[in-house]
PDB file of N, CA and C in Angstrom:
ATOM      1  N   UNK A   1      61.369   2.584 176.713  1.00  0.00           N
ATOM      2  CA  UNK A   1      60.057   2.013 176.503  1.00  0.00           C
ATOM      3  C   UNK A   1      59.031   2.858 177.238  1.00  0.00           C
ATOM      4  N   UNK A   2      57.980   3.131 176.562  1.00  0.00           N
ATOM      5  CA  UNK A   2      56.957   4.026 177.079  1.00  0.00           C
ATOM      6  C   UNK A   2      56.306   3.491 178.361  1.00  0.00           C
ATOM      7  N   UNK A   3      56.334   4.278 179.398  1.00  0.00           N
ATOM      8  CA  UNK A   3      55.645   3.945 180.625  1.00  0.00           C
ATOM      9  C   UNK A   3      56.447   3.168 181.656  1.00  0.00           C
ATOM     10  N   UNK A   4      57.560   2.595 181.281  1.00  0.00           N
ATOM     11  CA  UNK A   4      58.391   1.866 182.235  1.00  0.00           C
ATOM     12  C   UNK A   4      59.209   2.875 183.034  1.00  0.00           C
ATOM     13  N   UNK A   5      59.291   2.644 184.338  1.00  0.00           N
ATOM     14  CA  UNK A   5      59.997   3.565 185.220  1.00  0.00           C
ATOM     15  C   UNK A   5      60.995   2.817 186.086  1.00  0.00           C
ATOM     16  N   UNK A   6      62.013   3.533 186.498  1.00  0.00           N
ATOM     17  CA  UNK A   6      62.976   3.008 187.454  1.00  0.00           C
ATOM     18  C   UNK A   6      62.357   3.111 188.849  1.00  0.00           C
ATOM     19  N   UNK A   7      62.435   2.042 189.616  1.00  0.00           N
ATOM     20  CA  UNK A   7      61.844   2.025 190.956  1.00  0.00           C
ATOM     21  C   UNK A   7      62.735   1.226 191.887  1.00  0.00           C
ATOM     22  N   UNK A   8      62.383   1.238 193.148  1.00  0.00           N
ATOM     23  CA  UNK A   8      63.090   0.422 194.119  1.00  0.00           C
ATOM     24  C   UNK A   8      63.994   1.233 195.015  1.00  0.00           C
ATOM     25  N   UNK A   9      64.380   0.609 196.086  1.00  0.00           N
ATOM     26  CA  UNK A   9      65.297   1.224 197.031  1.00  0.00           C
ATOM     27  C   UNK A   9      66.713   0.785 196.743  1.00  0.00           C
ATOM     28  N   UNK A  10      67.218  -0.073 197.605  1.00  0.00           N
ATOM     29  CA  UNK A  10      68.586  -0.571 197.441  1.00  0.00           C
ATOM     30  C   UNK A  10      68.733  -1.386 196.165  1.00  0.00           C
ATOM     31  N   UNK A  11      67.721  -2.209 195.870  1.00  0.00           N
ATOM     32  CA  UNK A  11      67.730  -3.008 194.642  1.00  0.00           C
ATOM     33  C   UNK A  11      66.794  -2.348 193.634  1.00  0.00           C
ATOM     34  N   UNK A  12      67.353  -1.874 192.558  1.00  0.00           N
ATOM     35  CA  UNK A  12      66.569  -1.183 191.534  1.00  0.00           C
ATOM     36  C   UNK A  12      65.855  -2.181 190.636  1.00  0.00           C
ATOM     37  N   UNK A  13      64.725  -1.748 190.094  1.00  0.00           N
ATOM     38  CA  UNK A  13      63.964  -2.536 189.135  1.00  0.00           C
ATOM     39  C   UNK A  13      63.302  -1.579 188.159  1.00  0.00           C
ATOM     40  N   UNK A  14      62.802  -2.129 187.054  1.00  0.00           N
ATOM     41  CA  UNK A  14      61.956  -1.342 186.168  1.00  0.00           C
ATOM     42  C   UNK A  14      60.530  -1.851 186.376  1.00  0.00           C
ATOM     43  N   UNK A  15      59.584  -0.936 186.284  1.00  0.00           N
ATOM     44  CA  UNK A  15      58.205  -1.352 186.485  1.00  0.00           C
ATOM     45  C   UNK A  15      57.259  -0.506 185.634  1.00  0.00           C
ATOM     46  N   UNK A  16      56.085  -1.087 185.398  1.00  0.00           N
ATOM     47  CA  UNK A  16      55.059  -0.386 184.643  1.00  0.00           C
ATOM     48  C   UNK A  16      53.696  -0.832 185.125  1.00  0.00           C
ATOM     49  N   UNK A  17      52.774   0.113 185.177  1.00  0.00           N
ATOM     50  CA  UNK A  17      51.386  -0.199 185.488  1.00  0.00           C
ATOM     51  C   UNK A  17      50.578  -0.170 184.203  1.00  0.00           C
ATOM     52  N   UNK A  18      49.851  -1.240 183.963  1.00  0.00           N
ATOM     53  CA  UNK A  18      48.937  -1.337 182.821  1.00  0.00           C
ATOM     54  C   UNK A  18      47.522  -1.201 183.356  1.00  0.00           C
ATOM     55  N   UNK A  19      46.714  -0.379 182.714  1.00  0.00           N
ATOM     56  CA  UNK A  19      45.314  -0.227 183.086  1.00  0.00           C
ATOM     57  C   UNK A  19      44.492  -0.871 181.985  1.00  0.00           C
ATOM     58  N   UNK A  20      43.735  -1.899 182.371  1.00  0.00           N
ATOM     59  CA  UNK A  20      42.932  -2.641 181.416  1.00  0.00           C
ATOM     60  C   UNK A  20      41.455  -2.312 181.630  1.00  0.00           C
ATOM     61  N   UNK A  21      40.603  -2.858 180.791  1.00  0.00           N
ATOM     62  CA  UNK A  21      39.185  -2.500 180.826  1.00  0.00           C
ATOM     63  C   UNK A  21      38.433  -2.989 182.039  1.00  0.00           C
ATOM     64  N   UNK A  22      38.809  -4.168 182.559  1.00  0.00           N
ATOM     65  CA  UNK A  22      38.121  -4.730 183.718  1.00  0.00           C
ATOM     66  C   UNK A  22      39.008  -5.829 184.321  1.00  0.00           C
ATOM     67  N   UNK A  23      38.484  -6.451 185.358  1.00  0.00           N
ATOM     68  CA  UNK A  23      39.251  -7.461 186.080  1.00  0.00           C
ATOM     69  C   UNK A  23      39.587  -8.666 185.203  1.00  0.00           C
ATOM     70  N   UNK A  24      38.623  -9.139 184.416  1.00  0.00           N
ATOM     71  CA  UNK A  24      38.886 -10.298 183.561  1.00  0.00           C
ATOM     72  C   UNK A  24      39.949 -10.015 182.516  1.00  0.00           C
ATOM     73  N   UNK A  25      39.958  -8.823 181.954  1.00  0.00           N
ATOM     74  CA  UNK A  25      41.012  -8.458 181.001  1.00  0.00           C
ATOM     75  C   UNK A  25      42.364  -8.426 181.703  1.00  0.00           C
ATOM     76  N   UNK A  26      42.388  -7.947 182.930  1.00  0.00           N
ATOM     77  CA  UNK A  26      43.638  -7.932 183.699  1.00  0.00           C
ATOM     78  C   UNK A  26      44.147  -9.354 183.916  1.00  0.00           C
ATOM     79  N   UNK A  27      43.243 -10.271 184.262  1.00  0.00           N
ATOM     80  CA  UNK A  27      43.649 -11.661 184.466  1.00  0.00           C
ATOM     81  C   UNK A  27      44.157 -12.301 183.176  1.00  0.00           C
ATOM     82  N   UNK A  28      43.488 -12.034 182.075  1.00  0.00           N
ATOM     83  CA  UNK A  28      43.943 -12.578 180.783  1.00  0.00           C
ATOM     84  C   UNK A  28      45.346 -12.073 180.449  1.00  0.00           C
ATOM     85  N   UNK A  29      45.576 -10.785 180.675  1.00  0.00           N
ATOM     86  CA  UNK A  29      46.891 -10.203 180.424  1.00  0.00           C
ATOM     87  C   UNK A  29      47.949 -10.872 181.297  1.00  0.00           C
ATOM     88  N   UNK A  30      47.646 -11.047 182.580  1.00  0.00           N
ATOM     89  CA  UNK A  30      48.602 -11.669 183.502  1.00  0.00           C
ATOM     90  C   UNK A  30      48.894 -13.106 183.084  1.00  0.00           C
ATOM     91  N   UNK A  31      47.898 -13.823 182.614  1.00  0.00           N
ATOM     92  CA  UNK A  31      48.136 -15.193 182.139  1.00  0.00           C
ATOM     93  C   UNK A  31      49.073 -15.209 180.939  1.00  0.00           C
ATOM     94  N   UNK A  32      48.912 -14.267 180.022  1.00  0.00           N
ATOM     95  CA  UNK A  32      49.828 -14.172 178.876  1.00  0.00           C
ATOM     96  C   UNK A  32      51.245 -13.843 179.350  1.00  0.00           C
ATOM     97  N   UNK A  33      51.340 -12.896 180.283  1.00  0.00           N
ATOM     98  CA  UNK A  33      52.638 -12.533 180.855  1.00  0.00           C
ATOM     99  C   UNK A  33      53.281 -13.753 181.504  1.00  0.00           C
ATOM    100  N   UNK A  34      52.498 -14.520 182.244  1.00  0.00           N
ATOM    101  CA  UNK A  34      53.017 -15.697 182.926  1.00  0.00           C
ATOM    102  C   UNK A  34      53.547 -16.751 181.968  1.00  0.00           C
ATOM    103  N   UNK A  35      52.809 -16.995 180.879  1.00  0.00           N
ATOM    104  CA  UNK A  35      53.275 -17.983 179.896  1.00  0.00           C
ATOM    105  C   UNK A  35      54.587 -17.535 179.249  1.00  0.00           C
ATOM    106  N   UNK A  36      54.667 -16.252 178.890  1.00  0.00           N
ATOM    107  CA  UNK A  36      55.893 -15.743 178.278  1.00  0.00           C
ATOM    108  C   UNK A  36      57.054 -15.785 179.273  1.00  0.00           C
ATOM    109  N   UNK A  37      56.799 -15.359 180.496  1.00  0.00           N
ATOM    110  CA  UNK A  37      57.852 -15.353 181.517  1.00  0.00           C
ATOM    111  C   UNK A  37      58.381 -16.764 181.769  1.00  0.00           C
ATOM    112  N   UNK A  38      57.482 -17.732 181.800  1.00  0.00           N
ATOM    113  CA  UNK A  38      57.902 -19.117 182.022  1.00  0.00           C
ATOM    114  C   UNK A  38      58.750 -19.608 180.855  1.00  0.00           C
ATOM    115  N   UNK A  39      58.347 -19.269 179.628  1.00  0.00           N
ATOM    116  CA  UNK A  39      59.119 -19.669 178.441  1.00  0.00           C
ATOM    117  C   UNK A  39      60.502 -19.033 178.440  1.00  0.00           C
ATOM    118  N   UNK A  40      60.609 -17.817 178.959  1.00  0.00           N
ATOM    119  CA  UNK A  40      61.880 -17.092 179.002  1.00  0.00           C
ATOM    120  C   UNK A  40      62.701 -17.436 180.253  1.00  0.00           C
ATOM    121  N   UNK A  41      62.076 -18.138 181.205  1.00  0.00           N
ATOM    122  CA  UNK A  41      62.700 -18.451 182.495  1.00  0.00           C
ATOM    123  C   UNK A  41      63.172 -17.178 183.206  1.00  0.00           C
ATOM    124  N   UNK A  42      62.338 -16.147 183.118  1.00  0.00           N
ATOM    125  CA  UNK A  42      62.623 -14.858 183.760  1.00  0.00           C
ATOM    126  C   UNK A  42      61.276 -14.299 184.205  1.00  0.00           C
ATOM    127  N   UNK A  43      61.085 -14.187 185.508  1.00  0.00           N
ATOM    128  CA  UNK A  43      59.755 -13.957 186.051  1.00  0.00           C
ATOM    129  C   UNK A  43      59.616 -12.582 186.700  1.00  0.00           C
ATOM    130  N   UNK A  44      58.569 -11.844 186.333  1.00  0.00           N
ATOM    131  CA  UNK A  44      58.349 -10.521 186.915  1.00  0.00           C
ATOM    132  C   UNK A  44      57.636 -10.616 188.253  1.00  0.00           C
ATOM    133  N   UNK A  45      57.728  -9.559 189.022  1.00  0.00           N
ATOM    134  CA  UNK A  45      56.838  -9.379 190.167  1.00  0.00           C
ATOM    135  C   UNK A  45      55.540  -8.832 189.581  1.00  0.00           C
ATOM    136  N   UNK A  46      54.410  -9.378 190.003  1.00  0.00           N
ATOM    137  CA  UNK A  46      53.113  -9.001 189.444  1.00  0.00           C
ATOM    138  C   UNK A  46      52.174  -8.608 190.577  1.00  0.00           C
ATOM    139  N   UNK A  47      51.520  -7.459 190.423  1.00  0.00           N
ATOM    140  CA  UNK A  47      50.485  -7.020 191.347  1.00  0.00           C
ATOM    141  C   UNK A  47      49.237  -6.731 190.531  1.00  0.00           C
ATOM    142  N   UNK A  48      48.102  -7.268 190.989  1.00  0.00           N
ATOM    143  CA  UNK A  48      46.824  -7.012 190.328  1.00  0.00           C
ATOM    144  C   UNK A  48      45.923  -6.290 191.321  1.00  0.00           C
ATOM    145  N   UNK A  49      45.372  -5.172 190.900  1.00  0.00           N
ATOM    146  CA  UNK A  49      44.373  -4.433 191.674  1.00  0.00           C
ATOM    147  C   UNK A  49      43.229  -4.107 190.721  1.00  0.00           C
ATOM    148  N   UNK A  50      42.216  -4.943 190.748  1.00  0.00           N
ATOM    149  CA  UNK A  50      41.053  -4.891 189.870  1.00  0.00           C
ATOM    150  C   UNK A  50      41.485  -4.858 188.409  1.00  0.00           C
ATOM    151  N   UNK A  51      41.505  -3.683 187.768  1.00  0.00           N
ATOM    152  CA  UNK A  51      41.874  -3.616 186.348  1.00  0.00           C
ATOM    153  C   UNK A  51      43.288  -3.068 186.137  1.00  0.00           C
ATOM    154  N   UNK A  52      44.060  -2.983 187.203  1.00  0.00           N
ATOM    155  CA  UNK A  52      45.422  -2.440 187.132  1.00  0.00           C
ATOM    156  C   UNK A  52      46.428  -3.557 187.424  1.00  0.00           C
ATOM    157  N   UNK A  53      47.355  -3.705 186.508  1.00  0.00           N
ATOM    158  CA  UNK A  53      48.403  -4.720 186.650  1.00  0.00           C
ATOM    159  C   UNK A  53      49.747  -4.012 186.656  1.00  0.00           C
ATOM    160  N   UNK A  54      50.524  -4.223 187.709  1.00  0.00           N
ATOM    161  CA  UNK A  54      51.867  -3.666 187.779  1.00  0.00           C
ATOM    162  C   UNK A  54      52.868  -4.802 187.621  1.00  0.00           C
ATOM    163  N   UNK A  55      53.785  -4.622 186.673  1.00  0.00           N
ATOM    164  CA  UNK A  55      54.855  -5.587 186.437  1.00  0.00           C
ATOM    165  C   UNK A  55      56.167  -4.953 186.865  1.00  0.00           C
ATOM    166  N   UNK A  56      56.977  -5.703 187.590  1.00  0.00           N
ATOM    167  CA  UNK A  56      58.298  -5.245 188.003  1.00  0.00           C
ATOM    168  C   UNK A  56      59.341  -6.257 187.583  1.00  0.00           C
ATOM    169  N   UNK A  57      60.453  -5.775 187.079  1.00  0.00           N
ATOM    170  CA  UNK A  57      61.510  -6.657 186.588  1.00  0.00           C
ATOM    171  C   UNK A  57      62.876  -6.260 187.129  1.00  0.00           C
ATOM    172  N   UNK A  58      63.597  -7.252 187.605  1.00  0.00           N
ATOM    173  CA  UNK A  58      65.024  -7.127 187.882  1.00  0.00           C
ATOM    174  C   UNK A  58      65.579  -8.541 187.891  1.00  0.00           C
ATOM    175  N   UNK A  59      66.866  -8.665 187.713  1.00  0.00           N
ATOM    176  CA  UNK A  59      67.493  -9.973 187.657  1.00  0.00           C
ATOM    177  C   UNK A  59      68.028 -10.313 189.040  1.00  0.00           C
ATOM    178  N   UNK A  60      67.376 -11.274 189.684  1.00  0.00           N
ATOM    179  CA  UNK A  60      67.728 -11.648 191.052  1.00  0.00           C
ATOM    180  C   UNK A  60      69.201 -12.032 191.169  1.00  0.00           C
ATOM    181  N   UNK A  61      69.667 -12.869 190.252  1.00  0.00           N
ATOM    182  CA  UNK A  61      71.060 -13.343 190.322  1.00  0.00           C
ATOM    183  C   UNK A  61      72.063 -12.206 190.222  1.00  0.00           C
ATOM    184  N   UNK A  62      71.730 -11.166 189.454  1.00  0.00           N
ATOM    185  CA  UNK A  62      72.639 -10.036 189.275  1.00  0.00           C
ATOM    186  C   UNK A  62      72.437  -8.969 190.344  1.00  0.00           C
ATOM    187  N   UNK A  63      71.315  -9.062 191.067  1.00  0.00           N
ATOM    188  CA  UNK A  63      71.043  -8.067 192.105  1.00  0.00           C
ATOM    189  C   UNK A  63      70.642  -6.716 191.558  1.00  0.00           C
ATOM    190  N   UNK A  64      70.110  -6.688 190.342  1.00  0.00           N
ATOM    191  CA  UNK A  64      69.694  -5.418 189.750  1.00  0.00           C
ATOM    192  C   UNK A  64      69.172  -5.620 188.341  1.00  0.00           C
ATOM    193  N   UNK A  65      69.141  -4.563 187.595  1.00  0.00           N
ATOM    194  CA  UNK A  65      68.575  -4.564 186.245  1.00  0.00           C
ATOM    195  C   UNK A  65      69.640  -4.992 185.230  1.00  0.00           C
ATOM    196  N   UNK A  66      69.228  -5.871 184.306  1.00  0.00           N
ATOM    197  CA  UNK A  66      70.118  -6.312 183.228  1.00  0.00           C
ATOM    198  C   UNK A  66      69.390  -6.195 181.892  1.00  0.00           C
ATOM    199  N   UNK A  67      70.101  -6.490 180.825  1.00  0.00           N
ATOM    200  CA  UNK A  67      69.491  -6.481 179.490  1.00  0.00           C
ATOM    201  C   UNK A  67      68.308  -7.443 179.412  1.00  0.00           C
ATOM    202  N   UNK A  68      68.362  -8.543 180.143  1.00  0.00           N
ATOM    203  CA  UNK A  68      67.259  -9.511 180.138  1.00  0.00           C
ATOM    204  C   UNK A  68      65.957  -8.861 180.595  1.00  0.00           C
ATOM    205  N   UNK A  69      66.038  -7.942 181.537  1.00  0.00           N
ATOM    206  CA  UNK A  69      64.843  -7.248 182.026  1.00  0.00           C
ATOM    207  C   UNK A  69      64.254  -6.336 180.952  1.00  0.00           C
ATOM    208  N   UNK A  70      65.113  -5.592 180.288  1.00  0.00           N
ATOM    209  CA  UNK A  70      64.631  -4.708 179.219  1.00  0.00           C
ATOM    210  C   UNK A  70      64.069  -5.509 178.053  1.00  0.00           C
ATOM    211  N   UNK A  71      64.707  -6.619 177.717  1.00  0.00           N
ATOM    212  CA  UNK A  71      64.210  -7.460 176.620  1.00  0.00           C
ATOM    213  C   UNK A  71      62.839  -8.038 176.942  1.00  0.00           C
ATOM    214  N   UNK A  72      62.652  -8.506 178.165  1.00  0.00           N
ATOM    215  CA  UNK A  72      61.364  -9.074 178.539  1.00  0.00           C
ATOM    216  C   UNK A  72      60.292  -7.986 178.641  1.00  0.00           C
ATOM    217  N   UNK A  73      60.647  -6.827 179.150  1.00  0.00           N
ATOM    218  CA  UNK A  73      59.694  -5.713 179.211  1.00  0.00           C
ATOM    219  C   UNK A  73      59.194  -5.361 177.812  1.00  0.00           C
ATOM    220  N   UNK A  74      60.102  -5.363 176.852  1.00  0.00           N
ATOM    221  CA  UNK A  74      59.723  -5.082 175.464  1.00  0.00           C
ATOM    222  C   UNK A  74      58.725  -6.138 174.966  1.00  0.00           C
ATOM    223  N   UNK A  75      58.943  -7.382 175.300  1.00  0.00           N
ATOM    224  CA  UNK A  75      58.027  -8.453 174.881  1.00  0.00           C
ATOM    225  C   UNK A  75      56.671  -8.327 175.571  1.00  0.00           C
ATOM    226  N   UNK A  76      56.668  -7.904 176.837  1.00  0.00           N
ATOM    227  CA  UNK A  76      55.402  -7.697 177.540  1.00  0.00           C
ATOM    228  C   UNK A  76      54.551  -6.631 176.852  1.00  0.00           C
ATOM    229  N   UNK A  77      55.212  -5.621 176.303  1.00  0.00           N
ATOM    230  CA  UNK A  77      54.479  -4.551 175.624  1.00  0.00           C
ATOM    231  C   UNK A  77      53.604  -5.101 174.496  1.00  0.00           C
ATOM    232  N   UNK A  78      54.091  -6.119 173.817  1.00  0.00           N
ATOM    233  CA  UNK A  78      53.331  -6.681 172.698  1.00  0.00           C
ATOM    234  C   UNK A  78      52.114  -7.476 173.170  1.00  0.00           C
ATOM    235  N   UNK A  79      52.056  -7.826 174.450  1.00  0.00           N
ATOM    236  CA  UNK A  79      50.939  -8.601 174.984  1.00  0.00           C
ATOM    237  C   UNK A  79      49.779  -7.730 175.461  1.00  0.00           C
ATOM    238  N   UNK A  80      50.058  -6.483 175.781  1.00  0.00           N
ATOM    239  CA  UNK A  80      49.033  -5.613 176.356  1.00  0.00           C
ATOM    240  C   UNK A  80      47.998  -5.234 175.305  1.00  0.00           C
ATOM    241  N   UNK A  81      46.717  -5.287 175.678  1.00  0.00           N
ATOM    242  CA  UNK A  81      45.690  -4.849 174.729  1.00  0.00           C
ATOM    243  C   UNK A  81      45.870  -3.373 174.404  1.00  0.00           C
ATOM    244  N   UNK A  82      45.596  -3.026 173.195  1.00  0.00           N
ATOM    245  CA  UNK A  82      45.666  -1.635 172.770  1.00  0.00           C
ATOM    246  C   UNK A  82      44.392  -0.930 173.172  1.00  0.00           C
ATOM    247  N   UNK A  83      44.488   0.322 173.610  1.00  0.00           N
ATOM    248  CA  UNK A  83      43.269   1.066 173.978  1.00  0.00           C
ATOM    249  C   UNK A  83      42.331   1.178 172.769  1.00  0.00           C
ATOM    250  N   UNK A  84      41.060   1.039 173.050  1.00  0.00           N
ATOM    251  CA  UNK A  84      40.051   1.182 172.002  1.00  0.00           C
ATOM    252  C   UNK A  84      39.862   2.657 171.703  1.00  0.00           C
ATOM    253  N   UNK A  85      39.849   2.992 170.448  1.00  0.00           N
ATOM    254  CA  UNK A  85      39.545   4.362 170.049  1.00  0.00           C
ATOM    255  C   UNK A  85      38.109   4.397 169.557  1.00  0.00           C
ATOM    256  N   UNK A  86      37.417   5.445 169.901  1.00  0.00           N
ATOM    257  CA  UNK A  86      36.025   5.585 169.493  1.00  0.00           C
ATOM    258  C   UNK A  86      35.946   6.171 168.095  1.00  0.00           C
ATOM    259  N   UNK A  87      35.102   5.588 167.320  1.00  0.00           N
ATOM    260  CA  UNK A  87      34.911   6.086 165.957  1.00  0.00           C
ATOM    261  C   UNK A  87      33.889   7.206 165.966  1.00  0.00           C
ATOM    262  N   UNK A  88      34.167   8.203 165.196  1.00  0.00           N
ATOM    263  CA  UNK A  88      33.213   9.311 165.062  1.00  0.00           C
ATOM    264  C   UNK A  88      32.192   8.956 164.014  1.00  0.00           C
ATOM    265  N   UNK A  89      30.989   9.354 164.252  1.00  0.00           N
ATOM    266  CA  UNK A  89      29.928   9.103 163.278  1.00  0.00           C
ATOM    267  C   UNK A  89      29.849  10.219 162.269  1.00  0.00           C
TER     268      UNK A  89
END
């Protein structure tokens, strides 16, 4: 999946930083992520820094990365706003 990276020390996780247009867009994205995560009963680590949202996933019970993490990361991708492209005149 584009942009997801392996991170972590002893306990590995996958993570991705999303850059959104502004703080409110970042909050809207995080709210969508939260609703999906709650429905899936699998919750990411979330960091918000103004318009930057970092999501981290690993399965606590397994002590590392599982298929559930990759599946949820794929679903998160569908929630992120697509970058606006400028139209040429």
